[in-house]
C-alpha cells in the first residue's frame, strides 16, 4: 500500500499532537486543583485580616462579595454573616463556620466574631 502525503500528516499529528494535548490537559487539571481562589472563601480572607474594625461596608463587600445573611441589630447596628461549610476530620462531620460582622449606623465595622457549629438538620434529611 502506497503512503500519501495526507496520511503522513495525520500520522505526525497523532504522534506529536496527542502527547502535547495530553500534557496540556494534565497541566490544566493540576492548576485547577492547586489554585486557591480566595474570593470564594470569605472566612479565610477575614482570618487573614482583609477587613478590620473601621472598614466600610463597601470595602467589605468589594473584597468578600455579598454576605450570606443580614439583619438589624440593637442601636441601629446591622449584622452581616459570611459563612463557609467544610468537613471536620476531628468531628467526622460537616461544620459551618460563620463570621458575624457588626456594622454601626454609618456602615463601619465595629466587631468581627467567629462561630463554628454543625448545620441544623432539615426535614428532608431526617
PDB file of N, CA and C in Angstrom:
ATOM      1  N   UNK A   1       0.845  -1.166   0.000  1.00  0.00           N
ATOM      2  CA  UNK A   1       0.000   0.000   0.000  1.00  0.00           C
ATOM      3  C   UNK A   1       0.889   1.227   0.000  1.00  0.00           C
ATOM      4  N   UNK A   2       0.566   2.133  -0.872  1.00  0.00           N
ATOM      5  CA  UNK A   2       1.375   3.329  -1.040  1.00  0.00           C
ATOM      6  C   UNK A   2       0.893   4.426  -0.101  1.00  0.00           C
ATOM      7  N   UNK A   3       1.814   5.066   0.605  1.00  0.00           N
ATOM      8  CA  UNK A   3       1.502   6.123   1.571  1.00  0.00           C
ATOM      9  C   UNK A   3       1.366   7.456   0.844  1.00  0.00           C
ATOM     10  N   UNK A   4       0.389   8.248   1.244  1.00  0.00           N
ATOM     11  CA  UNK A   4       0.202   9.566   0.644  1.00  0.00           C
ATOM     12  C   UNK A   4       0.633  10.644   1.636  1.00  0.00           C
ATOM     13  N   UNK A   5       0.745  11.867   1.122  1.00  0.00           N
ATOM     14  CA  UNK A   5       1.159  12.987   1.970  1.00  0.00           C
ATOM     15  C   UNK A   5       0.118  13.244   3.061  1.00  0.00           C
ATOM     16  N   UNK A   6      -1.165  13.040   2.743  1.00  0.00           N
ATOM     17  CA  UNK A   6      -2.212  13.279   3.728  1.00  0.00           C
ATOM     18  C   UNK A   6      -2.117  12.291   4.882  1.00  0.00           C
ATOM     19  N   UNK A   7      -1.831  11.048   4.610  1.00  0.00           N
ATOM     20  CA  UNK A   7      -1.671  10.054   5.658  1.00  0.00           C
ATOM     21  C   UNK A   7      -0.478  10.392   6.544  1.00  0.00           C
ATOM     22  N   UNK A   8       0.585  10.861   5.959  1.00  0.00           N
ATOM     23  CA  UNK A   8       1.775  11.211   6.753  1.00  0.00           C
ATOM     24  C   UNK A   8       1.468  12.363   7.700  1.00  0.00           C
ATOM     25  N   UNK A   9       0.679  13.322   7.234  1.00  0.00           N
ATOM     26  CA  UNK A   9       0.318  14.437   8.116  1.00  0.00           C
ATOM     27  C   UNK A   9      -0.508  13.941   9.303  1.00  0.00           C
ATOM     28  N   UNK A  10      -1.470  13.055   9.049  1.00  0.00           N
ATOM     29  CA  UNK A  10      -2.301  12.504  10.114  1.00  0.00           C
ATOM     30  C   UNK A  10      -1.446  11.701  11.085  1.00  0.00           C
ATOM     31  N   UNK A  11      -0.505  10.947  10.564  1.00  0.00           N
ATOM     32  CA  UNK A  11       0.384  10.175  11.432  1.00  0.00           C
ATOM     33  C   UNK A  11       1.209  11.099  12.330  1.00  0.00           C
ATOM     34  N   UNK A  12       1.753  12.158  11.735  1.00  0.00           N
ATOM     35  CA  UNK A  12       2.547  13.093  12.526  1.00  0.00           C
ATOM     36  C   UNK A  12       1.681  13.824  13.551  1.00  0.00           C
ATOM     37  N   UNK A  13       0.471  14.196  13.173  1.00  0.00           N
ATOM     38  CA  UNK A  13      -0.424  14.880  14.106  1.00  0.00           C
ATOM     39  C   UNK A  13      -0.744  13.988  15.296  1.00  0.00           C
ATOM     40  N   UNK A  14      -1.004  12.716  15.029  1.00  0.00           N
ATOM     41  CA  UNK A  14      -1.304  11.776  16.112  1.00  0.00           C
ATOM     42  C   UNK A  14      -0.070  11.502  16.962  1.00  0.00           C
ATOM     43  N   UNK A  15       1.064  11.397  16.313  1.00  0.00           N
ATOM     44  CA  UNK A  15       2.300  11.068  17.025  1.00  0.00           C
ATOM     45  C   UNK A  15       2.763  12.210  17.927  1.00  0.00           C
ATOM     46  N   UNK A  16       2.679  13.441  17.447  1.00  0.00           N
ATOM     47  CA  UNK A  16       3.180  14.584  18.224  1.00  0.00           C
ATOM     48  C   UNK A  16       2.060  15.372  18.906  1.00  0.00           C
ATOM     49  N   UNK A  17       0.915  15.473  18.268  1.00  0.00           N
ATOM     50  CA  UNK A  17      -0.167  16.293  18.814  1.00  0.00           C
ATOM     51  C   UNK A  17      -0.841  15.680  20.026  1.00  0.00           C
ATOM     52  N   UNK A  18      -1.073  14.383  19.996  1.00  0.00           N
ATOM     53  CA  UNK A  18      -1.763  13.734  21.114  1.00  0.00           C
ATOM     54  C   UNK A  18      -0.990  13.882  22.429  1.00  0.00           C
ATOM     55  N   UNK A  19       0.317  13.617  22.459  1.00  0.00           N
ATOM     56  CA  UNK A  19       1.038  13.817  23.724  1.00  0.00           C
ATOM     57  C   UNK A  19       1.045  15.275  24.184  1.00  0.00           C
ATOM     58  N   UNK A  20       1.117  16.209  23.243  1.00  0.00           N
ATOM     59  CA  UNK A  20       1.104  17.626  23.617  1.00  0.00           C
ATOM     60  C   UNK A  20      -0.242  17.993  24.234  1.00  0.00           C
ATOM     61  N   UNK A  21      -1.327  17.538  23.632  1.00  0.00           N
ATOM     62  CA  UNK A  21      -2.655  17.807  24.171  1.00  0.00           C
ATOM     63  C   UNK A  21      -2.805  17.149  25.541  1.00  0.00           C
ATOM     64  N   UNK A  22      -2.312  15.926  25.692  1.00  0.00           N
ATOM     65  CA  UNK A  22      -2.390  15.228  26.974  1.00  0.00           C
ATOM     66  C   UNK A  22      -1.648  15.996  28.072  1.00  0.00           C
ATOM     67  N   UNK A  23      -0.434  16.428  27.786  1.00  0.00           N
ATOM     68  CA  UNK A  23       0.347  17.180  28.769  1.00  0.00           C
ATOM     69  C   UNK A  23      -0.345  18.494  29.110  1.00  0.00           C
ATOM     70  N   UNK A  24      -0.905  19.162  28.115  1.00  0.00           N
ATOM     71  CA  UNK A  24      -1.611  20.422  28.365  1.00  0.00           C
ATOM     72  C   UNK A  24      -2.822  20.197  29.271  1.00  0.00           C
ATOM     73  N   UNK A  25      -3.568  19.130  29.046  1.00  0.00           N
ATOM     74  CA  UNK A  25      -4.717  18.825  29.887  1.00  0.00           C
ATOM     75  C   UNK A  25      -4.298  18.483  31.313  1.00  0.00           C
ATOM     76  N   UNK A  26      -3.214  17.735  31.469  1.00  0.00           N
ATOM     77  CA  UNK A  26      -2.721  17.403  32.809  1.00  0.00           C
ATOM     78  C   UNK A  26      -2.285  18.663  33.548  1.00  0.00           C
ATOM     79  N   UNK A  27      -1.582  19.559  32.864  1.00  0.00           N
ATOM     80  CA  UNK A  27      -1.149  20.816  33.485  1.00  0.00           C
ATOM     81  C   UNK A  27      -2.358  21.646  33.905  1.00  0.00           C
ATOM     82  N   UNK A  28      -3.376  21.728  33.067  1.00  0.00           N
ATOM     83  CA  UNK A  28      -4.579  22.488  33.412  1.00  0.00           C
ATOM     84  C   UNK A  28      -5.294  21.871  34.609  1.00  0.00           C
ATOM     85  N   UNK A  29      -5.378  20.555  34.667  1.00  0.00           N
ATOM     86  CA  UNK A  29      -6.023  19.880  35.787  1.00  0.00           C
ATOM     87  C   UNK A  29      -5.261  20.142  37.085  1.00  0.00           C
ATOM     88  N   UNK A  30      -3.956  20.038  37.054  1.00  0.00           N
ATOM     89  CA  UNK A  30      -3.144  20.311  38.247  1.00  0.00           C
ATOM     90  C   UNK A  30      -3.328  21.753  38.683  1.00  0.00           C
ATOM     91  N   UNK A  31      -3.335  22.683  37.737  1.00  0.00           N
ATOM     92  CA  UNK A  31      -3.524  24.093  38.069  1.00  0.00           C
ATOM     93  C   UNK A  31      -4.878  24.315  38.742  1.00  0.00           C
ATOM     94  N   UNK A  32      -5.926  23.661  38.227  1.00  0.00           N
ATOM     95  CA  UNK A  32      -7.245  23.800  38.830  1.00  0.00           C
ATOM     96  C   UNK A  32      -7.290  23.222  40.236  1.00  0.00           C
ATOM     97  N   UNK A  33      -6.559  22.144  40.471  1.00  0.00           N
ATOM     98  CA  UNK A  33      -6.566  21.519  41.790  1.00  0.00           C
ATOM     99  C   UNK A  33      -5.785  22.312  42.832  1.00  0.00           C
ATOM    100  N   UNK A  34      -4.703  22.966  42.430  1.00  0.00           N
ATOM    101  CA  UNK A  34      -3.866  23.634  43.427  1.00  0.00           C
ATOM    102  C   UNK A  34      -4.108  25.120  43.560  1.00  0.00           C
ATOM    103  N   UNK A  35      -4.824  25.708  42.624  1.00  0.00           N
ATOM    104  CA  UNK A  35      -5.028  27.156  42.741  1.00  0.00           C
ATOM    105  C   UNK A  35      -5.938  27.426  43.925  1.00  0.00           C
ATOM    106  N   UNK A  36      -5.745  28.573  44.539  1.00  0.00           N
ATOM    107  CA  UNK A  36      -6.552  28.950  45.694  1.00  0.00           C
ATOM    108  C   UNK A  36      -7.350  30.178  45.327  1.00  0.00           C
ATOM    109  N   UNK A  37      -8.618  29.966  45.072  1.00  0.00           N
ATOM    110  CA  UNK A  37      -9.482  31.075  44.714  1.00  0.00           C
ATOM    111  C   UNK A  37     -10.092  31.626  45.993  1.00  0.00           C
ATOM    112  N   UNK A  38      -9.350  32.510  46.656  1.00  0.00           N
ATOM    113  CA  UNK A  38      -9.769  33.011  47.951  1.00  0.00           C
ATOM    114  C   UNK A  38     -10.986  33.914  47.852  1.00  0.00           C
ATOM    115  N   UNK A  39     -11.352  34.348  46.664  1.00  0.00           N
ATOM    116  CA  UNK A  39     -12.547  35.172  46.508  1.00  0.00           C
ATOM    117  C   UNK A  39     -13.781  34.394  46.948  1.00  0.00           C
ATOM    118  N   UNK A  40     -13.728  33.083  46.879  1.00  0.00           N
ATOM    119  CA  UNK A  40     -14.866  32.266  47.270  1.00  0.00           C
ATOM    120  C   UNK A  40     -14.812  31.839  48.723  1.00  0.00           C
ATOM    121  N   UNK A  41     -13.800  32.235  49.452  1.00  0.00           N
ATOM    122  CA  UNK A  41     -13.675  31.827  50.842  1.00  0.00           C
ATOM    123  C   UNK A  41     -13.537  33.055  51.733  1.00  0.00           C
ATOM    124  N   UNK A  42     -14.651  33.706  52.037  1.00  0.00           N
ATOM    125  CA  UNK A  42     -14.573  34.938  52.814  1.00  0.00           C
ATOM    126  C   UNK A  42     -14.058  34.718  54.233  1.00  0.00           C
ATOM    127  N   UNK A  43     -14.281  33.541  54.807  1.00  0.00           N
ATOM    128  CA  UNK A  43     -13.809  33.284  56.170  1.00  0.00           C
ATOM    129  C   UNK A  43     -12.282  33.304  56.213  1.00  0.00           C
ATOM    130  N   UNK A  44     -11.648  32.661  55.233  1.00  0.00           N
ATOM    131  CA  UNK A  44     -10.178  32.666  55.186  1.00  0.00           C
ATOM    132  C   UNK A  44      -9.654  34.085  54.985  1.00  0.00           C
ATOM    133  N   UNK A  45     -10.315  34.850  54.138  1.00  0.00           N
ATOM    134  CA  UNK A  45      -9.891  36.238  53.924  1.00  0.00           C
ATOM    135  C   UNK A  45     -10.028  37.056  55.204  1.00  0.00           C
ATOM    136  N   UNK A  46     -11.105  36.846  55.944  1.00  0.00           N
ATOM    137  CA  UNK A  46     -11.277  37.565  57.202  1.00  0.00           C
ATOM    138  C   UNK A  46     -10.229  37.156  58.231  1.00  0.00           C
ATOM    139  N   UNK A  47      -9.922  35.851  58.293  1.00  0.00           N
ATOM    140  CA  UNK A  47      -8.861  35.394  59.199  1.00  0.00           C
ATOM    141  C   UNK A  47      -7.507  35.999  58.808  1.00  0.00           C
ATOM    142  N   UNK A  48      -7.310  36.234  57.508  1.00  0.00           N
ATOM    143  CA  UNK A  48      -6.057  36.840  57.035  1.00  0.00           C
ATOM    144  C   UNK A  48      -6.016  38.347  57.257  1.00  0.00           C
ATOM    145  N   UNK A  49      -7.101  38.929  57.777  1.00  0.00           N
ATOM    146  CA  UNK A  49      -7.107  40.347  58.104  1.00  0.00           C
ATOM    147  C   UNK A  49      -7.496  41.267  56.964  1.00  0.00           C
ATOM    148  N   UNK A  50      -8.260  40.771  56.006  1.00  0.00           N
ATOM    149  CA  UNK A  50      -8.631  41.614  54.867  1.00  0.00           C
ATOM    150  C   UNK A  50      -9.577  42.734  55.286  1.00  0.00           C
ATOM    151  N   UNK A  51     -10.329  42.518  56.368  1.00  0.00           N
ATOM    152  CA  UNK A  51     -11.220  43.556  56.890  1.00  0.00           C
ATOM    153  C   UNK A  51     -10.900  43.755  58.368  1.00  0.00           C
ATOM    154  N   UNK A  52     -10.829  44.995  58.777  1.00  0.00           N
ATOM    155  CA  UNK A  52     -10.535  45.312  60.167  1.00  0.00           C
ATOM    156  C   UNK A  52     -11.617  46.240  60.711  1.00  0.00           C
ATOM    157  N   UNK A  53     -11.589  46.437  62.003  1.00  0.00           N
ATOM    158  CA  UNK A  53     -12.525  47.366  62.630  1.00  0.00           C
ATOM    159  C   UNK A  53     -12.325  48.745  62.005  1.00  0.00           C
ATOM    160  N   UNK A  54     -13.417  49.360  61.626  1.00  0.00           N
ATOM    161  CA  UNK A  54     -13.372  50.676  60.992  1.00  0.00           C
ATOM    162  C   UNK A  54     -13.515  50.639  59.483  1.00  0.00           C
ATOM    163  N   UNK A  55     -13.402  49.466  58.883  1.00  0.00           N
ATOM    164  CA  UNK A  55     -13.559  49.355  57.426  1.00  0.00           C
ATOM    165  C   UNK A  55     -15.012  49.628  57.049  1.00  0.00           C
ATOM    166  N   UNK A  56     -15.221  50.158  55.870  1.00  0.00           N
ATOM    167  CA  UNK A  56     -16.588  50.455  55.430  1.00  0.00           C
ATOM    168  C   UNK A  56     -17.247  49.209  54.846  1.00  0.00           C
ATOM    169  N   UNK A  57     -18.559  49.249  54.801  1.00  0.00           N
ATOM    170  CA  UNK A  57     -19.309  48.140  54.224  1.00  0.00           C
ATOM    171  C   UNK A  57     -18.966  47.967  52.740  1.00  0.00           C
ATOM    172  N   UNK A  58     -18.754  49.069  52.030  1.00  0.00           N
ATOM    173  CA  UNK A  58     -18.405  48.991  50.612  1.00  0.00           C
ATOM    174  C   UNK A  58     -17.076  48.255  50.425  1.00  0.00           C
ATOM    175  N   UNK A  59     -16.088  48.554  51.288  1.00  0.00           N
ATOM    176  CA  UNK A  59     -14.804  47.843  51.218  1.00  0.00           C
ATOM    177  C   UNK A  59     -15.008  46.361  51.490  1.00  0.00           C
ATOM    178  N   UNK A  60     -15.810  46.071  52.506  1.00  0.00           N
ATOM    179  CA  UNK A  60     -16.077  44.699  52.907  1.00  0.00           C
ATOM    180  C   UNK A  60     -16.679  43.902  51.750  1.00  0.00           C
ATOM    181  N   UNK A  61     -17.714  44.449  51.127  1.00  0.00           N
ATOM    182  CA  UNK A  61     -18.393  43.722  50.054  1.00  0.00           C
ATOM    183  C   UNK A  61     -17.575  43.672  48.776  1.00  0.00           C
ATOM    184  N   UNK A  62     -16.708  44.654  48.553  1.00  0.00           N
ATOM    185  CA  UNK A  62     -15.867  44.587  47.351  1.00  0.00           C
ATOM    186  C   UNK A  62     -14.816  43.492  47.480  1.00  0.00           C
ATOM    187  N   UNK A  63     -14.385  43.198  48.696  1.00  0.00           N
ATOM    188  CA  UNK A  63     -13.364  42.166  48.905  1.00  0.00           C
ATOM    189  C   UNK A  63     -13.947  40.783  49.149  1.00  0.00           C
ATOM    190  N   UNK A  64     -15.136  40.732  49.760  1.00  0.00           N
ATOM    191  CA  UNK A  64     -15.716  39.450  50.154  1.00  0.00           C
ATOM    192  C   UNK A  64     -16.956  39.050  49.379  1.00  0.00           C
ATOM    193  N   UNK A  65     -17.548  39.996  48.670  1.00  0.00           N
ATOM    194  CA  UNK A  65     -18.802  39.716  47.992  1.00  0.00           C
ATOM    195  C   UNK A  65     -19.966  39.973  48.929  1.00  0.00           C
ATOM    196  N   UNK A  66     -21.172  39.698  48.473  1.00  0.00           N
ATOM    197  CA  UNK A  66     -22.338  39.942  49.321  1.00  0.00           C
ATOM    198  C   UNK A  66     -22.388  38.941  50.480  1.00  0.00           C
ATOM    199  N   UNK A  67     -22.912  39.367  51.624  1.00  0.00           N
ATOM    200  CA  UNK A  67     -22.992  38.444  52.764  1.00  0.00           C
ATOM    201  C   UNK A  67     -24.067  37.381  52.556  1.00  0.00           C
ATOM    202  N   UNK A  68     -23.961  36.296  53.318  1.00  0.00           N
ATOM    203  CA  UNK A  68     -24.951  35.220  53.248  1.00  0.00           C
ATOM    204  C   UNK A  68     -26.259  35.635  53.909  1.00  0.00           C
ATOM    205  N   UNK A  69     -26.171  36.502  54.917  1.00  0.00           N
ATOM    206  CA  UNK A  69     -27.374  36.972  55.609  1.00  0.00           C
ATOM    207  C   UNK A  69     -27.117  38.346  56.192  1.00  0.00           C
ATOM    208  N   UNK A  70     -28.210  39.051  56.476  1.00  0.00           N
ATOM    209  CA  UNK A  70     -28.119  40.392  57.048  1.00  0.00           C
ATOM    210  C   UNK A  70     -29.367  40.648  57.876  1.00  0.00           C
ATOM    211  N   UNK A  71     -29.209  41.277  59.024  1.00  0.00           N
ATOM    212  CA  UNK A  71     -30.349  41.625  59.850  1.00  0.00           C
ATOM    213  C   UNK A  71     -30.020  42.846  60.706  1.00  0.00           C
ATOM    214  N   UNK A  72     -31.063  43.483  61.212  1.00  0.00           N
ATOM    215  CA  UNK A  72     -30.886  44.671  62.050  1.00  0.00           C
ATOM    216  C   UNK A  72     -30.649  44.242  63.481  1.00  0.00           C
ATOM    217  N   UNK A  73     -29.692  44.891  64.102  1.00  0.00           N
ATOM    218  CA  UNK A  73     -29.375  44.609  65.495  1.00  0.00           C
ATOM    219  C   UNK A  73     -29.836  45.755  66.382  1.00  0.00           C
ATOM    220  N   UNK A  74     -29.257  45.825  67.561  1.00  0.00           N
ATOM    221  CA  UNK A  74     -29.601  46.886  68.505  1.00  0.00           C
ATOM    222  C   UNK A  74     -28.872  48.174  68.146  1.00  0.00           C
ATOM    223  N   UNK A  75     -29.384  49.302  68.637  1.00  0.00           N
ATOM    224  CA  UNK A  75     -28.742  50.619  68.491  1.00  0.00           C
ATOM    225  C   UNK A  75     -28.477  50.998  67.033  1.00  0.00           C
ATOM    226  N   UNK A  76     -29.384  50.674  66.135  1.00  0.00           N
ATOM    227  CA  UNK A  76     -29.249  50.978  64.700  1.00  0.00           C
ATOM    228  C   UNK A  76     -28.043  50.286  64.067  1.00  0.00           C
ATOM    229  N   UNK A  77     -27.582  49.213  64.675  1.00  0.00           N
ATOM    230  CA  UNK A  77     -26.470  48.452  64.110  1.00  0.00           C
ATOM    231  C   UNK A  77     -27.021  47.378  63.174  1.00  0.00           C
ATOM    232  N   UNK A  78     -26.220  47.013  62.206  1.00  0.00           N
ATOM    233  CA  UNK A  78     -26.566  45.955  61.258  1.00  0.00           C
ATOM    234  C   UNK A  78     -25.601  44.807  61.442  1.00  0.00           C
ATOM    235  N   UNK A  79     -26.113  43.594  61.407  1.00  0.00           N
ATOM    236  CA  UNK A  79     -25.278  42.399  61.479  1.00  0.00           C
ATOM    237  C   UNK A  79     -25.258  41.740  60.101  1.00  0.00           C
ATOM    238  N   UNK A  80     -24.074  41.377  59.634  1.00  0.00           N
ATOM    239  CA  UNK A  80     -23.947  40.617  58.391  1.00  0.00           C
ATOM    240  C   UNK A  80     -23.197  39.333  58.694  1.00  0.00           C
ATOM    241  N   UNK A  81     -23.527  38.285  57.947  1.00  0.00           N
ATOM    242  CA  UNK A  81     -22.917  36.978  58.189  1.00  0.00           C
ATOM    243  C   UNK A  81     -22.322  36.436  56.896  1.00  0.00           C
ATOM    244  N   UNK A  82     -21.078  36.015  56.995  1.00  0.00           N
ATOM    245  CA  UNK A  82     -20.410  35.277  55.929  1.00  0.00           C
ATOM    246  C   UNK A  82     -20.215  33.866  56.453  1.00  0.00           C
ATOM    247  N   UNK A  83     -20.316  32.880  55.576  1.00  0.00           N
ATOM    248  CA  UNK A  83     -20.206  31.502  56.047  1.00  0.00           C
ATOM    249  C   UNK A  83     -19.369  30.645  55.116  1.00  0.00           C
ATOM    250  N   UNK A  84     -18.868  29.550  55.690  1.00  0.00           N
ATOM    251  CA  UNK A  84     -18.126  28.541  54.931  1.00  0.00           C
ATOM    252  C   UNK A  84     -18.526  27.191  55.505  1.00  0.00           C
ATOM    253  N   UNK A  85     -18.831  26.270  54.639  1.00  0.00           N
ATOM    254  CA  UNK A  85     -19.153  24.905  55.048  1.00  0.00           C
ATOM    255  C   UNK A  85     -17.984  24.014  54.646  1.00  0.00           C
ATOM    256  N   UNK A  86     -17.522  23.202  55.595  1.00  0.00           N
ATOM    257  CA  UNK A  86     -16.384  22.325  55.305  1.00  0.00           C
ATOM    258  C   UNK A  86     -16.505  21.037  56.115  1.00  0.00           C
ATOM    259  N   UNK A  87     -15.616  20.114  55.836  1.00  0.00           N
ATOM    260  CA  UNK A  87     -15.582  18.835  56.537  1.00  0.00           C
ATOM    261  C   UNK A  87     -14.581  18.928  57.673  1.00  0.00           C
ATOM    262  N   UNK A  88     -14.989  18.487  58.844  1.00  0.00           N
ATOM    263  CA  UNK A  88     -14.094  18.463  60.003  1.00  0.00           C
ATOM    264  C   UNK A  88     -13.651  17.036  60.249  1.00  0.00           C
ATOM    265  N   UNK A  89     -12.344  16.788  60.106  1.00  0.00           N
ATOM    266  CA  UNK A  89     -11.828  15.453  60.392  1.00  0.00           C
ATOM    267  C   UNK A  89     -11.926  15.137  61.879  1.00  0.00           C
ATOM    268  N   UNK A  90     -11.766  16.141  62.721  1.00  0.00           N
ATOM    269  CA  UNK A  90     -11.824  15.922  64.166  1.00  0.00           C
ATOM    270  C   UNK A  90     -13.231  15.505  64.602  1.00  0.00           C
ATOM    271  N   UNK A  91     -14.248  16.173  64.064  1.00  0.00           N
ATOM    272  CA  UNK A  91     -15.628  15.870  64.441  1.00  0.00           C
ATOM    273  C   UNK A  91     -16.252  14.796  63.550  1.00  0.00           C
ATOM    274  N   UNK A  92     -15.585  14.447  62.469  1.00  0.00           N
ATOM    275  CA  UNK A  92     -16.105  13.480  61.496  1.00  0.00           C
ATOM    276  C   UNK A  92     -17.492  13.892  60.997  1.00  0.00           C
ATOM    277  N   UNK A  93     -17.646  15.187  60.718  1.00  0.00           N
ATOM    278  CA  UNK A  93     -18.918  15.670  60.208  1.00  0.00           C
ATOM    279  C   UNK A  93     -18.700  16.999  59.488  1.00  0.00           C
ATOM    280  N   UNK A  94     -19.768  17.449  58.883  1.00  0.00           N
ATOM    281  CA  UNK A  94     -19.755  18.748  58.213  1.00  0.00           C
ATOM    282  C   UNK A  94     -19.902  19.819  59.282  1.00  0.00           C
ATOM    283  N   UNK A  95     -19.156  20.906  59.137  1.00  0.00           N
ATOM    284  CA  UNK A  95     -19.294  22.030  60.051  1.00  0.00           C
ATOM    285  C   UNK A  95     -19.517  23.312  59.255  1.00  0.00           C
ATOM    286  N   UNK A  96     -20.158  24.265  59.888  1.00  0.00           N
ATOM    287  CA  UNK A  96     -20.388  25.576  59.295  1.00  0.00           C
ATOM    288  C   UNK A  96     -19.597  26.575  60.115  1.00  0.00           C
ATOM    289  N   UNK A  97     -18.778  27.351  59.440  1.00  0.00           N
ATOM    290  CA  UNK A  97     -18.023  28.413  60.097  1.00  0.00           C
ATOM    291  C   UNK A  97     -18.649  29.740  59.689  1.00  0.00           C
ATOM    292  N   UNK A  98     -19.025  30.531  60.678  1.00  0.00           N
ATOM    293  CA  UNK A  98     -19.649  31.825  60.434  1.00  0.00           C
ATOM    294  C   UNK A  98     -18.718  32.941  60.872  1.00  0.00           C
ATOM    295  N   UNK A  99     -18.747  34.029  60.134  1.00  0.00           N
ATOM    296  CA  UNK A  99     -18.124  35.283  60.554  1.00  0.00           C
ATOM    297  C   UNK A  99     -19.261  36.279  60.692  1.00  0.00           C
ATOM    298  N   UNK A 100     -19.501  36.727  61.912  1.00  0.00           N
ATOM    299  CA  UNK A 100     -20.560  37.692  62.186  1.00  0.00           C
ATOM    300  C   UNK A 100     -19.921  39.053  62.330  1.00  0.00           C
ATOM    301  N   UNK A 101     -20.343  39.974  61.482  1.00  0.00           N
ATOM    302  CA  UNK A 101     -19.739  41.306  61.448  1.00  0.00           C
ATOM    303  C   UNK A 101     -20.801  42.323  61.836  1.00  0.00           C
ATOM    304  N   UNK A 102     -20.487  43.096  62.856  1.00  0.00           N
ATOM    305  CA  UNK A 102     -21.403  44.132  63.319  1.00  0.00           C
ATOM    306  C   UNK A 102     -20.997  45.460  62.696  1.00  0.00           C
ATOM    307  N   UNK A 103     -21.966  46.107  62.052  1.00  0.00           N
ATOM    308  CA  UNK A 103     -21.747  47.412  61.419  1.00  0.00           C
ATOM    309  C   UNK A 103     -22.511  48.479  62.187  1.00  0.00           C
ATOM    310  N   UNK A 104     -21.911  49.640  62.352  1.00  0.00           N
ATOM    311  CA  UNK A 104     -22.595  50.730  63.045  1.00  0.00           C
ATOM    312  C   UNK A 104     -23.558  51.441  62.099  1.00  0.00           C
ATOM    313  N   UNK A 105     -24.158  52.518  62.562  1.00  0.00           N
ATOM    314  CA  UNK A 105     -25.154  53.249  61.769  1.00  0.00           C
ATOM    315  C   UNK A 105     -24.561  53.866  60.510  1.00  0.00           C
ATOM    316  N   UNK A 106     -23.232  54.089  60.495  1.00  0.00           N
ATOM    317  CA  UNK A 106     -22.575  54.650  59.304  1.00  0.00           C
ATOM    318  C   UNK A 106     -21.971  53.559  58.421  1.00  0.00           C
ATOM    319  N   UNK A 107     -22.360  52.304  58.677  1.00  0.00           N
ATOM    320  CA  UNK A 107     -21.869  51.136  57.915  1.00  0.00           C
ATOM    321  C   UNK A 107     -20.365  50.929  58.037  1.00  0.00           C
ATOM    322  N   UNK A 108     -19.835  51.140  59.218  1.00  0.00           N
ATOM    323  CA  UNK A 108     -18.426  50.838  59.512  1.00  0.00           C
ATOM    324  C   UNK A 108     -18.375  49.611  60.412  1.00  0.00           C
ATOM    325  N   UNK A 109     -17.344  48.790  60.238  1.00  0.00           N
ATOM    326  CA  UNK A 109     -17.190  47.566  61.019  1.00  0.00           C
ATOM    327  C   UNK A 109     -16.862  47.918  62.464  1.00  0.00           C
ATOM    328  N   UNK A 110     -17.677  47.380  63.386  1.00  0.00           N
ATOM    329  CA  UNK A 110     -17.422  47.555  64.818  1.00  0.00           C
ATOM    330  C   UNK A 110     -16.733  46.334  65.414  1.00  0.00           C
ATOM    331  N   UNK A 111     -17.169  45.146  64.971  1.00  0.00           N
ATOM    332  CA  UNK A 111     -16.658  43.913  65.565  1.00  0.00           C
ATOM    333  C   UNK A 111     -16.801  42.769  64.569  1.00  0.00           C
ATOM    334  N   UNK A 112     -15.855  41.836  64.633  1.00  0.00           N
ATOM    335  CA  UNK A 112     -15.918  40.615  63.830  1.00  0.00           C
ATOM    336  C   UNK A 112     -15.811  39.445  64.795  1.00  0.00           C
ATOM    337  N   UNK A 113     -16.828  38.562  64.791  1.00  0.00           N
ATOM    338  CA  UNK A 113     -16.826  37.372  65.648  1.00  0.00           C
ATOM    339  C   UNK A 113     -16.903  36.132  64.769  1.00  0.00           C
ATOM    340  N   UNK A 114     -16.307  35.056  65.255  1.00  0.00           N
ATOM    341  CA  UNK A 114     -16.323  33.790  64.515  1.00  0.00           C
ATOM    342  C   UNK A 114     -17.029  32.733  65.352  1.00  0.00           C
ATOM    343  N   UNK A 115     -17.838  31.924  64.691  1.00  0.00           N
ATOM    344  CA  UNK A 115     -18.535  30.817  65.342  1.00  0.00           C
ATOM    345  C   UNK A 115     -18.423  29.585  64.460  1.00  0.00           C
ATOM    346  N   UNK A 116     -18.364  28.426  65.086  1.00  0.00           N
ATOM    347  CA  UNK A 116     -18.340  27.153  64.374  1.00  0.00           C
ATOM    348  C   UNK A 116     -19.434  26.269  64.959  1.00  0.00           C
ATOM    349  N   UNK A 117     -20.227  25.654  64.097  1.00  0.00           N
ATOM    350  CA  UNK A 117     -21.305  24.786  64.559  1.00  0.00           C
ATOM    351  C   UNK A 117     -21.637  23.770  63.481  1.00  0.00           C
ATOM    352  N   UNK A 118     -22.350  22.731  63.885  1.00  0.00           N
ATOM    353  CA  UNK A 118     -22.841  21.753  62.917  1.00  0.00           C
ATOM    354  C   UNK A 118     -24.123  22.301  62.307  1.00  0.00           C
ATOM    355  N   UNK A 119     -24.355  22.045  61.031  1.00  0.00           N
ATOM    356  CA  UNK A 119     -25.584  22.559  60.414  1.00  0.00           C
ATOM    357  C   UNK A 119     -26.813  21.920  61.025  1.00  0.00           C
ATOM    358  N   UNK A 120     -27.901  22.672  61.068  1.00  0.00           N
ATOM    359  CA  UNK A 120     -29.144  22.133  61.585  1.00  0.00           C
ATOM    360  C   UNK A 120     -29.759  21.208  60.552  1.00  0.00           C
ATOM    361  N   UNK A 121     -30.254  20.057  60.987  1.00  0.00           N
ATOM    362  CA  UNK A 121     -30.848  19.120  60.033  1.00  0.00           C
ATOM    363  C   UNK A 121     -32.150  19.681  59.462  1.00  0.00           C
ATOM    364  N   UNK A 122     -32.387  19.380  58.206  1.00  0.00           N
ATOM    365  CA  UNK A 122     -33.616  19.816  57.558  1.00  0.00           C
ATOM    366  C   UNK A 122     -34.615  18.666  57.573  1.00  0.00           C
ATOM    367  N   UNK A 123     -35.854  18.955  57.257  1.00  0.00           N
ATOM    368  CA  UNK A 123     -36.900  17.925  57.245  1.00  0.00           C
ATOM    369  C   UNK A 123     -36.559  16.834  56.216  1.00  0.00           C
ATOM    370  N   UNK A 124     -35.913  17.201  55.120  1.00  0.00           N
ATOM    371  CA  UNK A 124     -35.576  16.225  54.075  1.00  0.00           C
ATOM    372  C   UNK A 124     -34.493  15.263  54.540  1.00  0.00           C
ATOM    373  N   UNK A 125     -33.624  15.689  55.470  1.00  0.00           N
ATOM    374  CA  UNK A 125     -32.511  14.832  55.889  1.00  0.00           C
ATOM    375  C   UNK A 125     -32.873  13.919  57.055  1.00  0.00           C
ATOM    376  N   UNK A 126     -34.084  14.076  57.612  1.00  0.00           N
ATOM    377  CA  UNK A 126     -34.497  13.237  58.757  1.00  0.00           C
ATOM    378  C   UNK A 126     -35.034  11.910  58.316  1.00  0.00           C
TER     379      UNK A 126
END
